[in-house]
Amino acid sequence: MSASLSARLTRQSGTNFYYAFRILPEQKRRAIYALYAFCRTVDDCVDEPSGEREAGLARWLAELHRAYLGRPETELGRELAEAVARFPIPRGAFEEIVAGCRMDLMQRRYASFAELRVYCERVASAVGLASIEIFGYQDPRTREYAVELGLALQLTNILRDVAADAARDRLYLPLEDLARFAVSEEELLALARDPAAARPRGLSGLLEFEAERARSHYAAAARLLPERDRRSMLAAEIMGAIYRAVLEAWARRGHPVGGPRTRLAGPRKLWIALRTVPRAYWGL
């Protein structure tokens, strides 16, 4: 049987999540692929040069609503309809994801972390809240875990993608943090354009401060995960372990801005996934 559209999109994207998704039973795997493909599709509406921007977001939001009614019109919509019929994924989680993508059309700077947190909760924590409905959980505190893990993952992405985001005239690092470390927006954007440019004096301090913020959310997620839901959250724990390794690899490289994107090799990601299993099952 040929792979579904969602599975193909997920595999072709090269996402770090793919190794976590592979451990799921077939029905859950199909649902998480549909969720990821929807996220990828609406993200492309605002990020890709050929993206439809607001018109695309509106079109996919309408298709999402049709999926919940059991009347989808696209292949991805049909896969979403299957997922939401089988698992209690709240429609509001999808709507928050679209709202987060819409922020990328309207807002290119964030004055404070409080502002940035709203964005991160929409584009990442909402994905986590949808995902745990597919994974299955018993303790309501697992929702808090999903929110914190989503924040950690998104902050990791922001740090390693400063240059790529700057190319779209987006700067996610809070302006209040730049001011604290005496790094100007112009200096940071110049370095993003040319990694060989002089690094501002306070930049390393700024980026390590942001890395510590991400680490604090990984730690909060670890504290909040209830023991009885540890096994069912194995896929989420693998995601977290891989992204935490990306964060630390980026930090060891000296907090680069620009240049090659920090990535982990496939065997390394597989090893991290395998290492995470005994932690989730036996707390080792």
C-alpha atoms as a PDB file:
ATOM      1  CA  MET A   1       0.000   0.000   0.000  1.00  0.00           C
ATOM      2  CA  SER A   2       1.390   3.406  -0.958  1.00  0.00           C
ATOM      3  CA  ALA A   3       2.183   5.920   1.775  1.00  0.00           C
ATOM      4  CA  SER A   4      -0.420   8.557   2.577  1.00  0.00           C
ATOM      5  CA  LEU A   5       0.059  12.172   1.540  1.00  0.00           C
ATOM      6  CA  SER A   6       0.707  13.121   5.173  1.00  0.00           C
ATOM      7  CA  ALA A   7       3.332  10.404   5.584  1.00  0.00           C
ATOM      8  CA  ARG A   8       5.090  11.506   2.405  1.00  0.00           C
ATOM      9  CA  LEU A   9       5.092  15.164   3.459  1.00  0.00           C
ATOM     10  CA  THR A  10       6.430  14.276   6.891  1.00  0.00           C
ATOM     11  CA  ARG A  11       9.209  12.076   5.537  1.00  0.00           C
ATOM     12  CA  GLN A  12      10.208  14.553   2.820  1.00  0.00           C
ATOM     13  CA  SER A  13      10.370  17.439   5.268  1.00  0.00           C
ATOM     14  CA  GLY A  14      13.323  15.880   7.084  1.00  0.00           C
ATOM     15  CA  THR A  15      11.740  16.837  10.407  1.00  0.00           C
ATOM     16  CA  ASN A  16      13.383  15.723  13.637  1.00  0.00           C
ATOM     17  CA  PHE A  17       9.927  14.525  14.664  1.00  0.00           C
ATOM     18  CA  TYR A  18       9.970  11.693  12.112  1.00  0.00           C
ATOM     19  CA  TYR A  19      12.012   9.381  14.357  1.00  0.00           C
ATOM     20  CA  ALA A  20       9.560   9.932  17.204  1.00  0.00           C
ATOM     21  CA  PHE A  21       6.538   9.297  15.002  1.00  0.00           C
ATOM     22  CA  ARG A  22       7.876   5.976  13.729  1.00  0.00           C
ATOM     23  CA  ILE A  23       7.484   4.282  17.119  1.00  0.00           C
ATOM     24  CA  LEU A  24       3.722   4.861  17.213  1.00  0.00           C
ATOM     25  CA  PRO A  25       1.110   2.211  16.347  1.00  0.00           C
ATOM     26  CA  GLU A  26      -0.299   2.605  12.845  1.00  0.00           C
ATOM     27  CA  GLN A  27      -3.519   4.477  13.690  1.00  0.00           C
ATOM     28  CA  LYS A  28      -1.739   6.961  15.931  1.00  0.00           C
ATOM     29  CA  ARG A  29       1.044   7.331  13.388  1.00  0.00           C
ATOM     30  CA  ARG A  30      -1.442   8.136  10.625  1.00  0.00           C
ATOM     31  CA  ALA A  31      -3.101  10.747  12.837  1.00  0.00           C
ATOM     32  CA  ILE A  32       0.159  12.418  13.889  1.00  0.00           C
ATOM     33  CA  TYR A  33       1.296  12.514  10.263  1.00  0.00           C
ATOM     34  CA  ALA A  34      -1.954  14.296   9.359  1.00  0.00           C
ATOM     35  CA  LEU A  35      -1.449  16.791  12.176  1.00  0.00           C
ATOM     36  CA  TYR A  36       2.148  17.456  11.164  1.00  0.00           C
ATOM     37  CA  ALA A  37       1.249  17.776   7.464  1.00  0.00           C
ATOM     38  CA  PHE A  38      -1.443  20.330   8.311  1.00  0.00           C
ATOM     39  CA  CYS A  39       1.079  22.334  10.365  1.00  0.00           C
ATOM     40  CA  ARG A  40       3.636  22.141   7.572  1.00  0.00           C
ATOM     41  CA  THR A  41       1.085  23.192   4.961  1.00  0.00           C
ATOM     42  CA  VAL A  42      -0.197  26.265   6.794  1.00  0.00           C
ATOM     43  CA  ASP A  43       3.375  27.224   7.714  1.00  0.00           C
ATOM     44  CA  ASP A  44       4.313  27.097   4.026  1.00  0.00           C
ATOM     45  CA  CYS A  45       1.446  29.477   3.276  1.00  0.00           C
ATOM     46  CA  VAL A  46       3.347  32.224   5.098  1.00  0.00           C
ATOM     47  CA  ASP A  47       6.984  31.110   4.687  1.00  0.00           C
ATOM     48  CA  GLU A  48       7.339  29.979   1.087  1.00  0.00           C
ATOM     49  CA  PRO A  49       7.646  32.526  -1.760  1.00  0.00           C
ATOM     50  CA  SER A  50       4.808  30.772  -3.550  1.00  0.00           C
ATOM     51  CA  GLY A  51       2.672  30.639  -0.404  1.00  0.00           C
ATOM     52  CA  GLU A  52      -0.881  31.944  -0.545  1.00  0.00           C
ATOM     53  CA  ARG A  53      -0.472  33.896   2.704  1.00  0.00           C
ATOM     54  CA  GLU A  54      -3.805  34.945   4.266  1.00  0.00           C
ATOM     55  CA  ALA A  55      -5.844  33.379   1.457  1.00  0.00           C
ATOM     56  CA  GLY A  56      -4.090  30.058   2.042  1.00  0.00           C
ATOM     57  CA  LEU A  57      -4.639  30.196   5.797  1.00  0.00           C
ATOM     58  CA  ALA A  58      -8.325  30.931   5.271  1.00  0.00           C
ATOM     59  CA  ARG A  59      -8.638  28.107   2.746  1.00  0.00           C
ATOM     60  CA  TRP A  60      -7.043  25.526   5.052  1.00  0.00           C
ATOM     61  CA  LEU A  61      -9.019  26.712   8.059  1.00  0.00           C
ATOM     62  CA  ALA A  62     -12.197  26.179   6.045  1.00  0.00           C
ATOM     63  CA  GLU A  63     -10.986  22.706   5.046  1.00  0.00           C
ATOM     64  CA  LEU A  64     -10.266  21.943   8.699  1.00  0.00           C
ATOM     65  CA  HIS A  65     -13.834  22.857   9.623  1.00  0.00           C
ATOM     66  CA  ARG A  66     -15.116  20.616   6.842  1.00  0.00           C
ATOM     67  CA  ALA A  67     -12.939  17.801   8.174  1.00  0.00           C
ATOM     68  CA  TYR A  68     -14.611  18.096  11.580  1.00  0.00           C
ATOM     69  CA  LEU A  69     -17.982  17.927   9.837  1.00  0.00           C
ATOM     70  CA  GLY A  70     -16.882  14.850   7.886  1.00  0.00           C
ATOM     71  CA  ARG A  71     -17.033  16.680   4.545  1.00  0.00           C
ATOM     72  CA  PRO A  72     -13.398  17.355   3.518  1.00  0.00           C
ATOM     73  CA  GLU A  73     -12.569  18.214  -0.088  1.00  0.00           C
ATOM     74  CA  THR A  74      -8.831  17.435  -0.266  1.00  0.00           C
ATOM     75  CA  GLU A  75      -6.619  14.421   0.350  1.00  0.00           C
ATOM     76  CA  LEU A  76      -5.057  16.052   3.396  1.00  0.00           C
ATOM     77  CA  GLY A  77      -8.511  17.055   4.598  1.00  0.00           C
ATOM     78  CA  ARG A  78      -9.653  13.434   4.396  1.00  0.00           C
ATOM     79  CA  GLU A  79      -6.656  12.335   6.444  1.00  0.00           C
ATOM     80  CA  LEU A  80      -7.441  15.033   9.002  1.00  0.00           C
ATOM     81  CA  ALA A  81     -11.082  13.953   9.099  1.00  0.00           C
ATOM     82  CA  GLU A  82      -9.966  10.401   9.889  1.00  0.00           C
ATOM     83  CA  ALA A  83      -7.693  11.676  12.667  1.00  0.00           C
ATOM     84  CA  VAL A  84     -10.255  13.917  14.374  1.00  0.00           C
ATOM     85  CA  ALA A  85     -12.930  11.240  14.133  1.00  0.00           C
ATOM     86  CA  ARG A  86     -10.669   8.719  15.882  1.00  0.00           C
ATOM     87  CA  PHE A  87      -8.983  10.982  18.463  1.00  0.00           C
ATOM     88  CA  PRO A  88     -10.416  13.831  20.613  1.00  0.00           C
ATOM     89  CA  ILE A  89      -8.206  16.550  19.137  1.00  0.00           C
ATOM     90  CA  PRO A  90      -9.785  19.911  20.025  1.00  0.00           C
ATOM     91  CA  ARG A  91     -10.587  22.055  17.024  1.00  0.00           C
ATOM     92  CA  GLY A  92      -9.250  25.008  18.965  1.00  0.00           C
ATOM     93  CA  ALA A  93      -5.735  23.557  18.833  1.00  0.00           C
ATOM     94  CA  PHE A  94      -5.760  23.698  15.025  1.00  0.00           C
ATOM     95  CA  GLU A  95      -7.254  27.200  15.112  1.00  0.00           C
ATOM     96  CA  GLU A  96      -4.456  28.340  17.433  1.00  0.00           C
ATOM     97  CA  ILE A  97      -1.853  26.924  15.036  1.00  0.00           C
ATOM     98  CA  VAL A  98      -3.362  28.926  12.169  1.00  0.00           C
ATOM     99  CA  ALA A  99      -3.509  32.020  14.389  1.00  0.00           C
ATOM    100  CA  GLY A 100       0.196  31.595  15.110  1.00  0.00           C
ATOM    101  CA  CYS A 101       1.004  31.378  11.413  1.00  0.00           C
ATOM    102  CA  ARG A 102      -1.079  34.497  10.861  1.00  0.00           C
ATOM    103  CA  MET A 103       1.115  36.316  13.388  1.00  0.00           C
ATOM    104  CA  ASP A 104       4.027  35.773  10.985  1.00  0.00           C
ATOM    105  CA  LEU A 105       2.120  37.821   8.409  1.00  0.00           C
ATOM    106  CA  MET A 106       1.416  40.659  10.846  1.00  0.00           C
ATOM    107  CA  GLN A 107       4.235  40.812  13.390  1.00  0.00           C
ATOM    108  CA  ARG A 108       7.963  40.776  12.655  1.00  0.00           C
ATOM    109  CA  ARG A 109       9.349  41.904  16.021  1.00  0.00           C
ATOM    110  CA  TYR A 110       8.541  41.023  19.642  1.00  0.00           C
ATOM    111  CA  ALA A 111       9.060  43.646  22.310  1.00  0.00           C
ATOM    112  CA  SER A 112       9.065  41.189  25.211  1.00  0.00           C
ATOM    113  CA  PHE A 113       9.180  37.514  26.010  1.00  0.00           C
ATOM    114  CA  ALA A 114       5.553  37.749  27.114  1.00  0.00           C
ATOM    115  CA  GLU A 115       4.657  38.686  23.515  1.00  0.00           C
ATOM    116  CA  LEU A 116       6.870  35.967  22.079  1.00  0.00           C
ATOM    117  CA  ARG A 117       5.367  33.378  24.407  1.00  0.00           C
ATOM    118  CA  VAL A 118       1.933  33.952  22.876  1.00  0.00           C
ATOM    119  CA  TYR A 119       3.396  33.161  19.451  1.00  0.00           C
ATOM    120  CA  CYS A 120       5.260  30.072  20.700  1.00  0.00           C
ATOM    121  CA  GLU A 121       2.194  28.708  22.455  1.00  0.00           C
ATOM    122  CA  ARG A 122       0.215  29.045  19.249  1.00  0.00           C
ATOM    123  CA  VAL A 123       2.677  27.524  16.799  1.00  0.00           C
ATOM    124  CA  ALA A 124       4.194  24.897  19.124  1.00  0.00           C
ATOM    125  CA  SER A 125       2.348  24.323  22.397  1.00  0.00           C
ATOM    126  CA  ALA A 126      -0.942  24.000  20.528  1.00  0.00           C
ATOM    127  CA  VAL A 127       0.669  21.263  18.430  1.00  0.00           C
ATOM    128  CA  GLY A 128       1.683  19.545  21.650  1.00  0.00           C
ATOM    129  CA  LEU A 129      -1.844  19.770  23.044  1.00  0.00           C
ATOM    130  CA  ALA A 130      -3.193  18.206  19.851  1.00  0.00           C
ATOM    131  CA  SER A 131      -0.484  15.534  19.863  1.00  0.00           C
ATOM    132  CA  ILE A 132      -1.133  14.275  23.388  1.00  0.00           C
ATOM    133  CA  GLU A 133      -4.739  13.552  22.443  1.00  0.00           C
ATOM    134  CA  ILE A 134      -3.331  11.167  19.843  1.00  0.00           C
ATOM    135  CA  PHE A 135      -0.696   9.682  22.162  1.00  0.00           C
ATOM    136  CA  GLY A 136      -3.251   9.210  24.947  1.00  0.00           C
ATOM    137  CA  TYR A 137      -2.923  10.347  28.561  1.00  0.00           C
ATOM    138  CA  GLN A 138      -4.648   9.961  31.936  1.00  0.00           C
ATOM    139  CA  ASP A 139      -3.450  12.853  34.079  1.00  0.00           C
ATOM    140  CA  PRO A 140      -4.652  16.391  33.225  1.00  0.00           C
ATOM    141  CA  ARG A 141      -1.201  17.709  34.227  1.00  0.00           C
ATOM    142  CA  THR A 142       0.115  16.217  31.009  1.00  0.00           C
ATOM    143  CA  ARG A 143      -1.418  19.190  29.235  1.00  0.00           C
ATOM    144  CA  GLU A 144       0.933  21.476  31.192  1.00  0.00           C
ATOM    145  CA  TYR A 145       3.806  19.220  30.128  1.00  0.00           C
ATOM    146  CA  ALA A 146       2.781  19.628  26.477  1.00  0.00           C
ATOM    147  CA  VAL A 147       2.711  23.418  26.779  1.00  0.00           C
ATOM    148  CA  GLU A 148       6.185  23.576  28.340  1.00  0.00           C
ATOM    149  CA  LEU A 149       7.721  21.122  25.896  1.00  0.00           C
ATOM    150  CA  GLY A 150       6.254  23.066  22.976  1.00  0.00           C
ATOM    151  CA  LEU A 151       7.828  26.272  24.287  1.00  0.00           C
ATOM    152  CA  ALA A 152      11.222  24.558  24.617  1.00  0.00           C
ATOM    153  CA  LEU A 153      11.095  23.152  21.088  1.00  0.00           C
ATOM    154  CA  GLN A 154      10.079  26.462  19.529  1.00  0.00           C
ATOM    155  CA  LEU A 155      12.735  28.426  21.395  1.00  0.00           C
ATOM    156  CA  THR A 156      15.316  25.928  20.133  1.00  0.00           C
ATOM    157  CA  ASN A 157      14.123  26.494  16.574  1.00  0.00           C
ATOM    158  CA  ILE A 158      14.272  30.265  17.021  1.00  0.00           C
ATOM    159  CA  LEU A 159      17.886  30.150  18.214  1.00  0.00           C
ATOM    160  CA  ARG A 160      19.236  27.997  15.418  1.00  0.00           C
ATOM    161  CA  ASP A 161      17.235  29.820  12.730  1.00  0.00           C
ATOM    162  CA  VAL A 162      18.064  33.463  13.464  1.00  0.00           C
ATOM    163  CA  ALA A 163      19.636  33.967  10.024  1.00  0.00           C
ATOM    164  CA  ALA A 164      16.883  32.174   8.091  1.00  0.00           C
ATOM    165  CA  ASP A 165      14.238  34.206   9.897  1.00  0.00           C
ATOM    166  CA  ALA A 166      16.184  37.442   9.391  1.00  0.00           C
ATOM    167  CA  ALA A 167      16.138  36.760   5.643  1.00  0.00           C
ATOM    168  CA  ARG A 168      12.344  37.064   5.919  1.00  0.00           C
ATOM    169  CA  ASP A 169      12.742  40.247   7.998  1.00  0.00           C
ATOM    170  CA  ARG A 170      11.656  38.419  11.153  1.00  0.00           C
ATOM    171  CA  LEU A 171      13.411  38.688  14.475  1.00  0.00           C
ATOM    172  CA  TYR A 172      11.990  36.544  17.252  1.00  0.00           C
ATOM    173  CA  LEU A 173      14.549  37.352  19.960  1.00  0.00           C
ATOM    174  CA  PRO A 174      12.741  39.779  22.281  1.00  0.00           C
ATOM    175  CA  LEU A 175      13.855  43.370  21.815  1.00  0.00           C
ATOM    176  CA  GLU A 176      13.965  43.817  25.597  1.00  0.00           C
ATOM    177  CA  ASP A 177      16.646  41.107  25.701  1.00  0.00           C
ATOM    178  CA  LEU A 178      18.685  42.774  22.958  1.00  0.00           C
ATOM    179  CA  ALA A 179      18.597  46.003  24.963  1.00  0.00           C
ATOM    180  CA  ARG A 180      19.646  44.182  28.139  1.00  0.00           C
ATOM    181  CA  PHE A 181      22.798  42.868  26.442  1.00  0.00           C
ATOM    182  CA  ALA A 182      23.440  46.034  24.418  1.00  0.00           C
ATOM    183  CA  VAL A 183      23.010  44.281  21.072  1.00  0.00           C
ATOM    184  CA  SER A 184      21.307  46.385  18.436  1.00  0.00           C
ATOM    185  CA  GLU A 185      18.823  44.995  15.968  1.00  0.00           C
ATOM    186  CA  GLU A 186      20.991  46.306  13.122  1.00  0.00           C
ATOM    187  CA  GLU A 187      24.103  44.501  14.413  1.00  0.00           C
ATOM    188  CA  LEU A 188      22.249  41.225  14.751  1.00  0.00           C
ATOM    189  CA  LEU A 189      20.705  41.451  11.288  1.00  0.00           C
ATOM    190  CA  ALA A 190      24.084  42.334   9.749  1.00  0.00           C
ATOM    191  CA  LEU A 191      25.622  39.226  11.302  1.00  0.00           C
ATOM    192  CA  ALA A 192      22.705  37.120  10.091  1.00  0.00           C
ATOM    193  CA  ARG A 193      23.390  38.325   6.550  1.00  0.00           C
ATOM    194  CA  ASP A 194      27.146  37.794   6.825  1.00  0.00           C
ATOM    195  CA  PRO A 195      28.408  35.262   9.407  1.00  0.00           C
ATOM    196  CA  ALA A 196      31.937  36.638   8.913  1.00  0.00           C
ATOM    197  CA  ALA A 197      30.901  40.065  10.199  1.00  0.00           C
ATOM    198  CA  ALA A 198      32.096  41.185  13.613  1.00  0.00           C
ATOM    199  CA  ARG A 199      30.020  39.781  16.455  1.00  0.00           C
ATOM    200  CA  PRO A 200      28.580  42.385  18.816  1.00  0.00           C
ATOM    201  CA  ARG A 201      30.260  42.294  22.220  1.00  0.00           C
ATOM    202  CA  GLY A 202      27.120  41.269  24.106  1.00  0.00           C
ATOM    203  CA  LEU A 203      25.887  38.699  21.590  1.00  0.00           C
ATOM    204  CA  SER A 204      27.283  35.573  23.253  1.00  0.00           C
ATOM    205  CA  GLY A 205      25.714  36.600  26.545  1.00  0.00           C
ATOM    206  CA  LEU A 206      22.392  37.268  24.830  1.00  0.00           C
ATOM    207  CA  LEU A 207      22.294  33.930  23.048  1.00  0.00           C
ATOM    208  CA  GLU A 208      23.360  31.959  26.116  1.00  0.00           C
ATOM    209  CA  PHE A 209      20.616  33.744  28.074  1.00  0.00           C
ATOM    210  CA  GLU A 210      18.082  32.624  25.461  1.00  0.00           C
ATOM    211  CA  ALA A 211      19.508  29.083  25.510  1.00  0.00           C
ATOM    212  CA  GLU A 212      19.065  28.973  29.295  1.00  0.00           C
ATOM    213  CA  ARG A 213      15.468  30.068  28.846  1.00  0.00           C
ATOM    214  CA  ALA A 214      14.903  27.128  26.487  1.00  0.00           C
ATOM    215  CA  ARG A 215      16.622  24.773  28.952  1.00  0.00           C
ATOM    216  CA  SER A 216      14.337  26.003  31.721  1.00  0.00           C
ATOM    217  CA  HIS A 217      11.306  24.943  29.677  1.00  0.00           C
ATOM    218  CA  TYR A 218      12.797  21.510  28.958  1.00  0.00           C
ATOM    219  CA  ALA A 219      13.344  21.166  32.721  1.00  0.00           C
ATOM    220  CA  ALA A 220       9.800  22.327  33.483  1.00  0.00           C
ATOM    221  CA  ALA A 221       8.391  19.780  31.036  1.00  0.00           C
ATOM    222  CA  ALA A 222      10.416  17.019  32.713  1.00  0.00           C
ATOM    223  CA  ARG A 223       9.076  18.007  36.143  1.00  0.00           C
ATOM    224  CA  LEU A 224       5.486  18.227  34.963  1.00  0.00           C
ATOM    225  CA  LEU A 225       5.226  14.874  33.155  1.00  0.00           C
ATOM    226  CA  PRO A 226       3.146  12.618  35.424  1.00  0.00           C
ATOM    227  CA  GLU A 227       4.654   9.197  36.082  1.00  0.00           C
ATOM    228  CA  ARG A 228       1.609   7.300  34.872  1.00  0.00           C
ATOM    229  CA  ASP A 229       1.710   9.045  31.478  1.00  0.00           C
ATOM    230  CA  ARG A 230       5.448   8.597  30.938  1.00  0.00           C
ATOM    231  CA  ARG A 231       5.097   5.582  28.641  1.00  0.00           C
ATOM    232  CA  SER A 232       2.336   7.057  26.525  1.00  0.00           C
ATOM    233  CA  MET A 233       4.426  10.216  26.033  1.00  0.00           C
ATOM    234  CA  LEU A 234       7.407   8.261  24.665  1.00  0.00           C
ATOM    235  CA  ALA A 235       7.122   9.895  21.229  1.00  0.00           C
ATOM    236  CA  ALA A 236       7.007  13.352  22.834  1.00  0.00           C
ATOM    237  CA  GLU A 237       9.994  12.495  25.012  1.00  0.00           C
ATOM    238  CA  ILE A 238      11.961  11.446  21.929  1.00  0.00           C
ATOM    239  CA  MET A 239      11.093  14.762  20.270  1.00  0.00           C
ATOM    240  CA  GLY A 240      12.266  16.619  23.352  1.00  0.00           C
ATOM    241  CA  ALA A 241      15.503  14.633  23.626  1.00  0.00           C
ATOM    242  CA  ILE A 242      16.393  15.211  19.968  1.00  0.00           C
ATOM    243  CA  TYR A 243      15.669  18.931  20.107  1.00  0.00           C
ATOM    244  CA  ARG A 244      17.549  19.322  23.397  1.00  0.00           C
ATOM    245  CA  ALA A 245      20.542  17.675  21.682  1.00  0.00           C
ATOM    246  CA  VAL A 246      20.194  20.156  18.796  1.00  0.00           C
ATOM    247  CA  LEU A 247      20.204  23.041  21.274  1.00  0.00           C
ATOM    248  CA  GLU A 248      23.364  21.778  22.971  1.00  0.00           C
ATOM    249  CA  ALA A 249      25.075  21.102  19.633  1.00  0.00           C
ATOM    250  CA  TRP A 250      24.306  24.690  18.605  1.00  0.00           C
ATOM    251  CA  ALA A 251      25.679  25.984  21.925  1.00  0.00           C
ATOM    252  CA  ARG A 252      28.888  23.940  21.548  1.00  0.00           C
ATOM    253  CA  ARG A 253      29.409  25.515  18.119  1.00  0.00           C
ATOM    254  CA  GLY A 254      29.598  28.878  19.863  1.00  0.00           C
ATOM    255  CA  HIS A 255      25.991  30.067  19.396  1.00  0.00           C
ATOM    256  CA  PRO A 256      26.384  30.695  15.653  1.00  0.00           C
ATOM    257  CA  VAL A 257      24.229  33.218  13.841  1.00  0.00           C
ATOM    258  CA  GLY A 258      24.187  32.308  10.159  1.00  0.00           C
ATOM    259  CA  GLY A 259      26.264  29.672   8.470  1.00  0.00           C
ATOM    260  CA  PRO A 260      25.230  26.013   8.273  1.00  0.00           C
ATOM    261  CA  ARG A 261      22.081  25.156  10.208  1.00  0.00           C
ATOM    262  CA  THR A 262      22.753  22.996  13.252  1.00  0.00           C
ATOM    263  CA  ARG A 263      21.541  19.483  12.496  1.00  0.00           C
ATOM    264  CA  LEU A 264      21.973  15.998  13.913  1.00  0.00           C
ATOM    265  CA  ALA A 265      22.902  13.076  11.681  1.00  0.00           C
ATOM    266  CA  GLY A 266      20.321  10.318  11.243  1.00  0.00           C
ATOM    267  CA  PRO A 267      22.277   7.725  13.283  1.00  0.00           C
ATOM    268  CA  ARG A 268      22.640  10.223  16.125  1.00  0.00           C
ATOM    269  CA  LYS A 269      18.890  10.877  16.176  1.00  0.00           C
ATOM    270  CA  LEU A 270      18.191   7.156  16.113  1.00  0.00           C
ATOM    271  CA  TRP A 271      20.587   6.613  19.027  1.00  0.00           C
ATOM    272  CA  ILE A 272      18.863   9.363  21.022  1.00  0.00           C
ATOM    273  CA  ALA A 273      15.479   7.772  20.308  1.00  0.00           C
ATOM    274  CA  LEU A 274      16.678   4.358  21.488  1.00  0.00           C
ATOM    275  CA  ARG A 275      18.301   5.842  24.577  1.00  0.00           C
ATOM    276  CA  THR A 276      15.033   7.578  25.511  1.00  0.00           C
ATOM    277  CA  VAL A 277      13.012   4.339  25.676  1.00  0.00           C
ATOM    278  CA  PRO A 278      14.398   3.026  29.011  1.00  0.00           C
ATOM    279  CA  ARG A 279      13.978   6.481  30.549  1.00  0.00           C
ATOM    280  CA  ALA A 280      10.318   6.586  29.583  1.00  0.00           C
ATOM    281  CA  TYR A 281       9.581   2.999  30.633  1.00  0.00           C
ATOM    282  CA  TRP A 282      11.735   2.525  33.696  1.00  0.00           C
ATOM    283  CA  GLY A 283      13.040   5.976  34.600  1.00  0.00           C
ATOM    284  CA  LEU A 284      16.638   4.974  33.894  1.00  0.00           C
END
